[in-house]
Structures are given as structure tokens and as C-alpha cells.
């Protein structure tokens, strides 16, 4: 019996695994496409989970409110200063 066949007979499981791996390497491009598609799907799912469970919870869903508050905070001191200026003018003119 040739040495290669004798070795295969001694370790059939290892050679079956090797044969399965080497045959799966030479598959068509559609398998590579499916692997890339699965990887993109996993990345998209991870991004969506990060956005929903971490980012939205961290900000508390107040993106729009923070902009409104910041606008009010910018306008309010100007109104207060204007009111004080009018009061000072009224006091000094009378």
C-alpha cells in the first residue's frame, strides 16, 4: 500500500476535515459574496445597536430640546440686559 493511502487510513477524520476545508476554499464567487454580505449585515446590526442602546440612551433623546434651550439661553441675557438698561434710563431721566 502506498504511504499516502496508509496515512489516510490511519487518520481518516483529520484528512476528511482537510478535504472539506480545501474544497470549500475553491468555491465560487457567490460564497464570497454571501460572506461579505453577512459581514456587512453584522456591522449594520452592531451600528444600530450602538446607536439605540448607547447613543440615544446617553443623550436621552433630547437632541432637539437642547437646541431650543441653547437658543433661549442665548436670547434671555440680552432681554435682561435691555430691561435693566431701560430701567436705568428711566431712573436717571426722571
PDB file of N, CA and C in Angstrom:
ATOM      1  N   UNK A   1       0.845  -1.172   0.000  1.00  0.00           N
ATOM      2  CA  UNK A   1       0.000   0.000   0.000  1.00  0.00           C
ATOM      3  C   UNK A   1       0.894   1.240   0.000  1.00  0.00           C
ATOM      4  N   UNK A   2       0.591   2.249  -0.867  1.00  0.00           N
ATOM      5  CA  UNK A   2       1.410   3.463  -0.869  1.00  0.00           C
ATOM      6  C   UNK A   2       1.314   4.193   0.467  1.00  0.00           C
ATOM      7  N   UNK A   3       2.354   4.983   0.734  1.00  0.00           N
ATOM      8  CA  UNK A   3       2.445   5.659   2.025  1.00  0.00           C
ATOM      9  C   UNK A   3       1.309   6.662   2.233  1.00  0.00           C
ATOM     10  N   UNK A   4       0.892   7.375   1.181  1.00  0.00           N
ATOM     11  CA  UNK A   4      -0.176   8.372   1.319  1.00  0.00           C
ATOM     12  C   UNK A   4      -1.480   7.695   1.713  1.00  0.00           C
ATOM     13  N   UNK A   5      -1.814   6.624   1.057  1.00  0.00           N
ATOM     14  CA  UNK A   5      -3.056   5.919   1.371  1.00  0.00           C
ATOM     15  C   UNK A   5      -2.978   5.331   2.768  1.00  0.00           C
ATOM     16  N   UNK A   6      -1.819   4.834   3.162  1.00  0.00           N
ATOM     17  CA  UNK A   6      -1.653   4.287   4.512  1.00  0.00           C
ATOM     18  C   UNK A   6      -1.863   5.380   5.563  1.00  0.00           C
ATOM     19  N   UNK A   7      -1.339   6.592   5.301  1.00  0.00           N
ATOM     20  CA  UNK A   7      -1.516   7.698   6.240  1.00  0.00           C
ATOM     21  C   UNK A   7      -2.984   8.099   6.318  1.00  0.00           C
ATOM     22  N   UNK A   8      -3.664   8.119   5.182  1.00  0.00           N
ATOM     23  CA  UNK A   8      -5.091   8.458   5.178  1.00  0.00           C
ATOM     24  C   UNK A   8      -5.886   7.410   5.945  1.00  0.00           C
ATOM     25  N   UNK A   9      -5.498   6.172   5.823  1.00  0.00           N
ATOM     26  CA  UNK A   9      -6.202   5.111   6.540  1.00  0.00           C
ATOM     27  C   UNK A   9      -6.002   5.233   8.045  1.00  0.00           C
ATOM     28  N   UNK A  10      -4.828   5.733   8.479  1.00  0.00           N
ATOM     29  CA  UNK A  10      -4.567   5.864   9.913  1.00  0.00           C
ATOM     30  C   UNK A  10      -5.350   7.020  10.532  1.00  0.00           C
ATOM     31  N   UNK A  11      -5.474   8.125   9.808  1.00  0.00           N
ATOM     32  CA  UNK A  11      -6.130   9.323  10.349  1.00  0.00           C
ATOM     33  C   UNK A  11      -7.244   9.783   9.401  1.00  0.00           C
ATOM     34  N   UNK A  12      -8.345   9.080   9.352  1.00  0.00           N
ATOM     35  CA  UNK A  12      -9.382   9.452   8.382  1.00  0.00           C
ATOM     36  C   UNK A  12     -10.118  10.753   8.752  1.00  0.00           C
ATOM     37  N   UNK A  13     -10.290  11.033  10.033  1.00  0.00           N
ATOM     38  CA  UNK A  13     -11.042  12.231  10.436  1.00  0.00           C
ATOM     39  C   UNK A  13     -10.269  13.492  10.066  1.00  0.00           C
ATOM     40  N   UNK A  14      -8.964  13.504  10.353  1.00  0.00           N
ATOM     41  CA  UNK A  14      -8.154  14.679  10.042  1.00  0.00           C
ATOM     42  C   UNK A  14      -8.130  14.956   8.539  1.00  0.00           C
ATOM     43  N   UNK A  15      -8.016  13.900   7.736  1.00  0.00           N
ATOM     44  CA  UNK A  15      -7.980  14.102   6.296  1.00  0.00           C
ATOM     45  C   UNK A  15      -9.353  14.470   5.743  1.00  0.00           C
ATOM     46  N   UNK A  16     -10.401  14.013   6.374  1.00  0.00           N
ATOM     47  CA  UNK A  16     -11.743  14.418   5.947  1.00  0.00           C
ATOM     48  C   UNK A  16     -11.955  15.909   6.219  1.00  0.00           C
ATOM     49  N   UNK A  17     -11.467  16.372   7.373  1.00  0.00           N
ATOM     50  CA  UNK A  17     -11.558  17.803   7.690  1.00  0.00           C
ATOM     51  C   UNK A  17     -10.716  18.608   6.714  1.00  0.00           C
ATOM     52  N   UNK A  18      -9.494  18.134   6.434  1.00  0.00           N
ATOM     53  CA  UNK A  18      -8.622  18.825   5.487  1.00  0.00           C
ATOM     54  C   UNK A  18      -9.262  18.881   4.101  1.00  0.00           C
ATOM     55  N   UNK A  19      -9.873  17.791   3.680  1.00  0.00           N
ATOM     56  CA  UNK A  19     -10.535  17.760   2.381  1.00  0.00           C
ATOM     57  C   UNK A  19     -11.720  18.724   2.352  1.00  0.00           C
ATOM     58  N   UNK A  20     -12.480  18.778   3.420  1.00  0.00           N
ATOM     59  CA  UNK A  20     -13.631  19.686   3.473  1.00  0.00           C
ATOM     60  C   UNK A  20     -13.175  21.140   3.427  1.00  0.00           C
ATOM     61  N   UNK A  21     -12.088  21.459   4.133  1.00  0.00           N
ATOM     62  CA  UNK A  21     -11.591  22.839   4.154  1.00  0.00           C
ATOM     63  C   UNK A  21     -11.028  23.222   2.798  1.00  0.00           C
ATOM     64  N   UNK A  22     -10.217  22.365   2.203  1.00  0.00           N
ATOM     65  CA  UNK A  22      -9.607  22.710   0.919  1.00  0.00           C
ATOM     66  C   UNK A  22     -10.645  22.773  -0.193  1.00  0.00           C
ATOM     67  N   UNK A  23     -11.674  21.961  -0.132  1.00  0.00           N
ATOM     68  CA  UNK A  23     -12.723  22.034  -1.154  1.00  0.00           C
ATOM     69  C   UNK A  23     -13.565  23.288  -0.972  1.00  0.00           C
ATOM     70  N   UNK A  24     -13.753  23.711   0.265  1.00  0.00           N
ATOM     71  CA  UNK A  24     -14.566  24.909   0.482  1.00  0.00           C
ATOM     72  C   UNK A  24     -13.805  26.178   0.119  1.00  0.00           C
ATOM     73  N   UNK A  25     -12.485  26.099   0.041  1.00  0.00           N
ATOM     74  CA  UNK A  25     -11.712  27.271  -0.368  1.00  0.00           C
ATOM     75  C   UNK A  25     -11.946  27.567  -1.846  1.00  0.00           C
ATOM     76  N   UNK A  26     -12.105  26.535  -2.645  1.00  0.00           N
ATOM     77  CA  UNK A  26     -12.220  26.709  -4.087  1.00  0.00           C
ATOM     78  C   UNK A  26     -13.670  26.810  -4.554  1.00  0.00           C
ATOM     79  N   UNK A  27     -14.537  27.351  -3.738  1.00  0.00           N
ATOM     80  CA  UNK A  27     -15.932  27.512  -4.139  1.00  0.00           C
ATOM     81  C   UNK A  27     -16.071  28.757  -4.995  1.00  0.00           C
ATOM     82  N   UNK A  28     -17.265  28.958  -5.541  1.00  0.00           N
ATOM     83  CA  UNK A  28     -17.486  30.078  -6.442  1.00  0.00           C
ATOM     84  C   UNK A  28     -17.542  31.417  -5.736  1.00  0.00           C
ATOM     85  N   UNK A  29     -17.669  32.460  -6.558  1.00  0.00           N
ATOM     86  CA  UNK A  29     -17.685  33.817  -6.037  1.00  0.00           C
ATOM     87  C   UNK A  29     -18.943  34.147  -5.258  1.00  0.00           C
ATOM     88  N   UNK A  30     -20.013  33.371  -5.448  1.00  0.00           N
ATOM     89  CA  UNK A  30     -21.246  33.659  -4.724  1.00  0.00           C
ATOM     90  C   UNK A  30     -21.091  33.408  -3.239  1.00  0.00           C
ATOM     91  N   UNK A  31     -20.222  32.474  -2.855  1.00  0.00           N
ATOM     92  CA  UNK A  31     -19.988  32.224  -1.428  1.00  0.00           C
ATOM     93  C   UNK A  31     -19.225  33.394  -0.820  1.00  0.00           C
ATOM     94  N   UNK A  32     -18.264  33.922  -1.550  1.00  0.00           N
ATOM     95  CA  UNK A  32     -17.533  35.100  -1.076  1.00  0.00           C
ATOM     96  C   UNK A  32     -18.492  36.275  -0.946  1.00  0.00           C
ATOM     97  N   UNK A  33     -19.394  36.418  -1.918  1.00  0.00           N
ATOM     98  CA  UNK A  33     -20.404  37.480  -1.848  1.00  0.00           C
ATOM     99  C   UNK A  33     -21.283  37.311  -0.611  1.00  0.00           C
ATOM    100  N   UNK A  34     -21.690  36.080  -0.317  1.00  0.00           N
ATOM    101  CA  UNK A  34     -22.515  35.836   0.870  1.00  0.00           C
ATOM    102  C   UNK A  34     -21.757  36.139   2.156  1.00  0.00           C
ATOM    103  N   UNK A  35     -20.472  35.798   2.195  1.00  0.00           N
ATOM    104  CA  UNK A  35     -19.671  36.088   3.386  1.00  0.00           C
ATOM    105  C   UNK A  35     -19.559  37.596   3.587  1.00  0.00           C
ATOM    106  N   UNK A  36     -19.305  38.325   2.506  1.00  0.00           N
ATOM    107  CA  UNK A  36     -19.218  39.791   2.604  1.00  0.00           C
ATOM    108  C   UNK A  36     -20.564  40.375   3.015  1.00  0.00           C
ATOM    109  N   UNK A  37     -21.646  39.836   2.468  1.00  0.00           N
ATOM    110  CA  UNK A  37     -22.982  40.310   2.817  1.00  0.00           C
ATOM    111  C   UNK A  37     -23.290  40.062   4.293  1.00  0.00           C
ATOM    112  N   UNK A  38     -22.902  38.915   4.808  1.00  0.00           N
ATOM    113  CA  UNK A  38     -23.104  38.614   6.231  1.00  0.00           C
ATOM    114  C   UNK A  38     -22.275  39.554   7.092  1.00  0.00           C
ATOM    115  N   UNK A  39     -21.034  39.826   6.683  1.00  0.00           N
ATOM    116  CA  UNK A  39     -20.182  40.739   7.451  1.00  0.00           C
ATOM    117  C   UNK A  39     -20.768  42.148   7.471  1.00  0.00           C
ATOM    118  N   UNK A  40     -21.269  42.622   6.329  1.00  0.00           N
ATOM    119  CA  UNK A  40     -21.893  43.952   6.284  1.00  0.00           C
ATOM    120  C   UNK A  40     -23.152  43.977   7.145  1.00  0.00           C
ATOM    121  N   UNK A  41     -23.919  42.907   7.116  1.00  0.00           N
ATOM    122  CA  UNK A  41     -25.116  42.828   7.961  1.00  0.00           C
ATOM    123  C   UNK A  41     -24.778  42.861   9.436  1.00  0.00           C
ATOM    124  N   UNK A  42     -23.710  42.162   9.821  1.00  0.00           N
ATOM    125  CA  UNK A  42     -23.285  42.189  11.232  1.00  0.00           C
ATOM    126  C   UNK A  42     -22.824  43.583  11.635  1.00  0.00           C
ATOM    127  N   UNK A  43     -22.081  44.259  10.764  1.00  0.00           N
ATOM    128  CA  UNK A  43     -21.650  45.628  11.068  1.00  0.00           C
ATOM    129  C   UNK A  43     -22.838  46.577  11.173  1.00  0.00           C
ATOM    130  N   UNK A  44     -23.819  46.405  10.298  1.00  0.00           N
ATOM    131  CA  UNK A  44     -25.008  47.260  10.359  1.00  0.00           C
ATOM    132  C   UNK A  44     -25.792  47.005  11.640  1.00  0.00           C
ATOM    133  N   UNK A  45     -25.911  45.753  12.029  1.00  0.00           N
ATOM    134  CA  UNK A  45     -26.621  45.431  13.270  1.00  0.00           C
ATOM    135  C   UNK A  45     -25.878  45.981  14.479  1.00  0.00           C
ATOM    136  N   UNK A  46     -24.555  45.899  14.462  1.00  0.00           N
ATOM    137  CA  UNK A  46     -23.770  46.445  15.574  1.00  0.00           C
ATOM    138  C   UNK A  46     -23.902  47.961  15.637  1.00  0.00           C
ATOM    139  N   UNK A  47     -23.895  48.618  14.479  1.00  0.00           N
ATOM    140  CA  UNK A  47     -24.074  50.074  14.460  1.00  0.00           C
ATOM    141  C   UNK A  47     -25.443  50.485  14.956  1.00  0.00           C
ATOM    142  N   UNK A  48     -26.474  49.757  14.554  1.00  0.00           N
ATOM    143  CA  UNK A  48     -27.828  50.075  15.015  1.00  0.00           C
ATOM    144  C   UNK A  48     -27.958  49.839  16.517  1.00  0.00           C
ATOM    145  N   UNK A  49     -27.357  48.770  17.014  1.00  0.00           N
ATOM    146  CA  UNK A  49     -27.410  48.506  18.453  1.00  0.00           C
ATOM    147  C   UNK A  49     -26.661  49.577  19.226  1.00  0.00           C
ATOM    148  N   UNK A  50     -25.514  50.006  18.718  1.00  0.00           N
ATOM    149  CA  UNK A  50     -24.764  51.079  19.380  1.00  0.00           C
ATOM    150  C   UNK A  50     -25.579  52.359  19.415  1.00  0.00           C
ATOM    151  N   UNK A  51     -26.205  52.688  18.289  1.00  0.00           N
ATOM    152  CA  UNK A  51     -26.987  53.923  18.220  1.00  0.00           C
ATOM    153  C   UNK A  51     -28.177  53.864  19.177  1.00  0.00           C
ATOM    154  N   UNK A  52     -28.879  52.736  19.202  1.00  0.00           N
ATOM    155  CA  UNK A  52     -30.093  52.656  20.013  1.00  0.00           C
ATOM    156  C   UNK A  52     -29.785  52.490  21.491  1.00  0.00           C
ATOM    157  N   UNK A  53     -28.907  51.552  21.830  1.00  0.00           N
ATOM    158  CA  UNK A  53     -28.702  51.231  23.237  1.00  0.00           C
ATOM    159  C   UNK A  53     -27.733  52.165  23.937  1.00  0.00           C
ATOM    160  N   UNK A  54     -26.797  52.770  23.212  1.00  0.00           N
ATOM    161  CA  UNK A  54     -25.813  53.617  23.883  1.00  0.00           C
ATOM    162  C   UNK A  54     -26.026  55.087  23.566  1.00  0.00           C
ATOM    163  N   UNK A  55     -26.030  55.449  22.304  1.00  0.00           N
ATOM    164  CA  UNK A  55     -26.032  56.868  21.935  1.00  0.00           C
ATOM    165  C   UNK A  55     -27.345  57.541  22.314  1.00  0.00           C
ATOM    166  N   UNK A  56     -28.477  56.929  21.970  1.00  0.00           N
ATOM    167  CA  UNK A  56     -29.764  57.543  22.288  1.00  0.00           C
ATOM    168  C   UNK A  56     -30.012  57.529  23.795  1.00  0.00           C
ATOM    169  N   UNK A  57     -29.520  56.518  24.498  1.00  0.00           N
ATOM    170  CA  UNK A  57     -29.691  56.490  25.955  1.00  0.00           C
ATOM    171  C   UNK A  57     -28.795  57.527  26.612  1.00  0.00           C
ATOM    172  N   UNK A  58     -27.607  57.732  26.062  1.00  0.00           N
ATOM    173  CA  UNK A  58     -26.682  58.711  26.637  1.00  0.00           C
ATOM    174  C   UNK A  58     -27.226  60.125  26.476  1.00  0.00           C
ATOM    175  N   UNK A  59     -27.726  60.433  25.284  1.00  0.00           N
ATOM    176  CA  UNK A  59     -28.274  61.770  25.064  1.00  0.00           C
ATOM    177  C   UNK A  59     -29.691  61.883  25.591  1.00  0.00           C
ATOM    178  N   UNK A  60     -30.347  60.788  25.852  1.00  0.00           N
ATOM    179  CA  UNK A  60     -31.697  60.817  26.386  1.00  0.00           C
ATOM    180  C   UNK A  60     -32.734  61.242  25.372  1.00  0.00           C
ATOM    181  N   UNK A  61     -32.399  61.215  24.099  1.00  0.00           N
ATOM    182  CA  UNK A  61     -33.333  61.610  23.059  1.00  0.00           C
ATOM    183  C   UNK A  61     -33.675  63.088  23.081  1.00  0.00           C
ATOM    184  N   UNK A  62     -32.777  63.925  23.590  1.00  0.00           N
ATOM    185  CA  UNK A  62     -33.049  65.355  23.735  1.00  0.00           C
ATOM    186  C   UNK A  62     -32.264  66.185  22.737  1.00  0.00           C
ATOM    187  N   UNK A  63     -32.034  65.680  21.560  1.00  0.00           N
ATOM    188  CA  UNK A  63     -31.254  66.437  20.578  1.00  0.00           C
ATOM    189  C   UNK A  63     -31.950  67.734  20.205  1.00  0.00           C
ATOM    190  N   UNK A  64     -33.258  67.678  19.932  1.00  0.00           N
ATOM    191  CA  UNK A  64     -33.992  68.877  19.541  1.00  0.00           C
ATOM    192  C   UNK A  64     -34.184  69.843  20.701  1.00  0.00           C
ATOM    193  N   UNK A  65     -34.422  69.318  21.911  1.00  0.00           N
ATOM    194  CA  UNK A  65     -34.642  70.181  23.072  1.00  0.00           C
ATOM    195  C   UNK A  65     -33.393  70.962  23.439  1.00  0.00           C
ATOM    196  N   UNK A  66     -32.239  70.346  23.298  1.00  0.00           N
ATOM    197  CA  UNK A  66     -31.001  71.045  23.654  1.00  0.00           C
ATOM    198  C   UNK A  66     -30.781  72.251  22.753  1.00  0.00           C
ATOM    199  N   UNK A  67     -31.147  72.129  21.484  1.00  0.00           N
ATOM    200  CA  UNK A  67     -31.000  73.271  20.583  1.00  0.00           C
ATOM    201  C   UNK A  67     -31.955  74.391  20.984  1.00  0.00           C
ATOM    202  N   UNK A  68     -33.193  74.042  21.353  1.00  0.00           N
ATOM    203  CA  UNK A  68     -34.147  75.060  21.769  1.00  0.00           C
ATOM    204  C   UNK A  68     -33.697  75.736  23.058  1.00  0.00           C
ATOM    205  N   UNK A  69     -33.204  74.960  24.006  1.00  0.00           N
ATOM    206  CA  UNK A  69     -32.738  75.537  25.262  1.00  0.00           C
ATOM    207  C   UNK A  69     -31.550  76.456  25.029  1.00  0.00           C
ATOM    208  N   UNK A  70     -30.657  76.046  24.161  1.00  0.00           N
ATOM    209  CA  UNK A  70     -29.486  76.883  23.927  1.00  0.00           C
ATOM    210  C   UNK A  70     -29.888  78.194  23.246  1.00  0.00           C
ATOM    211  N   UNK A  71     -30.895  78.164  22.373  1.00  0.00           N
ATOM    212  CA  UNK A  71     -31.371  79.403  21.756  1.00  0.00           C
ATOM    213  C   UNK A  71     -32.004  80.313  22.803  1.00  0.00           C
ATOM    214  N   UNK A  72     -32.807  79.732  23.701  1.00  0.00           N
ATOM    215  CA  UNK A  72     -33.427  80.532  24.755  1.00  0.00           C
ATOM    216  C   UNK A  72     -32.383  81.113  25.688  1.00  0.00           C
ATOM    217  N   UNK A  73     -31.375  80.331  25.992  1.00  0.00           N
ATOM    218  CA  UNK A  73     -30.328  80.824  26.892  1.00  0.00           C
ATOM    219  C   UNK A  73     -29.528  81.947  26.246  1.00  0.00           C
ATOM    220  N   UNK A  74     -29.392  81.917  24.928  1.00  0.00           N
ATOM    221  CA  UNK A  74     -28.676  83.000  24.255  1.00  0.00           C
ATOM    222  C   UNK A  74     -29.514  84.273  24.193  1.00  0.00           C
ATOM    223  N   UNK A  75     -30.824  84.147  24.038  1.00  0.00           N
ATOM    224  CA  UNK A  75     -31.693  85.322  23.916  1.00  0.00           C
ATOM    225  C   UNK A  75     -31.983  85.934  25.279  1.00  0.00           C
ATOM    226  N   UNK A  76     -32.154  85.121  26.304  1.00  0.00           N
ATOM    227  CA  UNK A  76     -32.581  85.601  27.620  1.00  0.00           C
ATOM    228  C   UNK A  76     -31.639  86.637  28.234  1.00  0.00           C
ATOM    229  N   UNK A  77     -30.332  86.463  28.258  1.00  0.00           N
ATOM    230  CA  UNK A  77     -29.472  87.507  28.847  1.00  0.00           C
ATOM    231  C   UNK A  77     -29.566  88.836  28.112  1.00  0.00           C
ATOM    232  N   UNK A  78     -29.767  88.821  26.796  1.00  0.00           N
ATOM    233  CA  UNK A  78     -29.897  90.067  26.047  1.00  0.00           C
ATOM    234  C   UNK A  78     -31.158  90.811  26.471  1.00  0.00           C
ATOM    235  N   UNK A  79     -32.256  90.074  26.672  1.00  0.00           N
ATOM    236  CA  UNK A  79     -33.500  90.701  27.100  1.00  0.00           C
ATOM    237  C   UNK A  79     -33.340  91.270  28.503  1.00  0.00           C
ATOM    238  N   UNK A  80     -32.688  90.536  29.396  1.00  0.00           N
ATOM    239  CA  UNK A  80     -32.469  91.021  30.758  1.00  0.00           C
ATOM    240  C   UNK A  80     -31.617  92.281  30.760  1.00  0.00           C
ATOM    241  N   UNK A  81     -30.567  92.304  29.968  1.00  0.00           N
ATOM    242  CA  UNK A  81     -29.713  93.491  29.912  1.00  0.00           C
ATOM    243  C   UNK A  81     -30.474  94.682  29.327  1.00  0.00           C
ATOM    244  N   UNK A  82     -31.312  94.437  28.328  1.00  0.00           N
ATOM    245  CA  UNK A  82     -32.112  95.505  27.735  1.00  0.00           C
ATOM    246  C   UNK A  82     -33.093  96.059  28.762  1.00  0.00           C
ATOM    247  N   UNK A  83     -33.727  95.171  29.521  1.00  0.00           N
ATOM    248  CA  UNK A  83     -34.669  95.603  30.551  1.00  0.00           C
ATOM    249  C   UNK A  83     -33.967  96.447  31.610  1.00  0.00           C
ATOM    250  N   UNK A  84     -32.788  96.004  32.046  1.00  0.00           N
ATOM    251  CA  UNK A  84     -32.025  96.784  33.029  1.00  0.00           C
ATOM    252  C   UNK A  84     -31.609  98.132  32.448  1.00  0.00           C
ATOM    253  N   UNK A  85     -31.229  98.179  31.210  1.00  0.00           N
ATOM    254  CA  UNK A  85     -30.818  99.439  30.572  1.00  0.00           C
ATOM    255  C   UNK A  85     -31.990 100.416  30.506  1.00  0.00           C
ATOM    256  N   UNK A  86     -33.180  99.910  30.179  1.00  0.00           N
ATOM    257  CA  UNK A  86     -34.368 100.770  30.135  1.00  0.00           C
ATOM    258  C   UNK A  86     -34.693 101.287  31.530  1.00  0.00           C
ATOM    259  N   UNK A  87     -34.592 100.440  32.545  1.00  0.00           N
ATOM    260  CA  UNK A  87     -34.847 100.883  33.920  1.00  0.00           C
ATOM    261  C   UNK A  87     -33.863 101.961  34.346  1.00  0.00           C
ATOM    262  N   UNK A  88     -32.597 101.785  34.022  1.00  0.00           N
ATOM    263  CA  UNK A  88     -31.588 102.787  34.386  1.00  0.00           C
ATOM    264  C   UNK A  88     -31.876 104.106  33.679  1.00  0.00           C
ATOM    265  N   UNK A  89     -32.250 104.059  32.418  1.00  0.00           N
ATOM    266  CA  UNK A  89     -32.588 105.275  31.674  1.00  0.00           C
ATOM    267  C   UNK A  89     -33.795 105.977  32.284  1.00  0.00           C
ATOM    268  N   UNK A  90     -34.798 105.206  32.676  1.00  0.00           N
ATOM    269  CA  UNK A  90     -35.987 105.802  33.281  1.00  0.00           C
ATOM    270  C   UNK A  90     -35.673 106.451  34.628  1.00  0.00           C
ATOM    271  N   UNK A  91     -34.836 105.793  35.402  1.00  0.00           N
ATOM    272  CA  UNK A  91     -34.493 106.333  36.723  1.00  0.00           C
ATOM    273  C   UNK A  91     -33.693 107.621  36.579  1.00  0.00           C
ATOM    274  N   UNK A  92     -32.714 107.643  35.711  1.00  0.00           N
ATOM    275  CA  UNK A  92     -31.862 108.827  35.577  1.00  0.00           C
ATOM    276  C   UNK A  92     -32.562 109.987  34.864  1.00  0.00           C
ATOM    277  N   UNK A  93     -33.501 109.702  33.988  1.00  0.00           N
ATOM    278  CA  UNK A  93     -34.197 110.772  33.271  1.00  0.00           C
ATOM    279  C   UNK A  93     -35.285 111.420  34.124  1.00  0.00           C
ATOM    280  N   UNK A  94     -35.785 110.755  35.121  1.00  0.00           N
ATOM    281  CA  UNK A  94     -36.839 111.337  35.959  1.00  0.00           C
ATOM    282  C   UNK A  94     -36.220 111.960  37.125  1.00  0.00           C
TER     283      UNK A  94
END
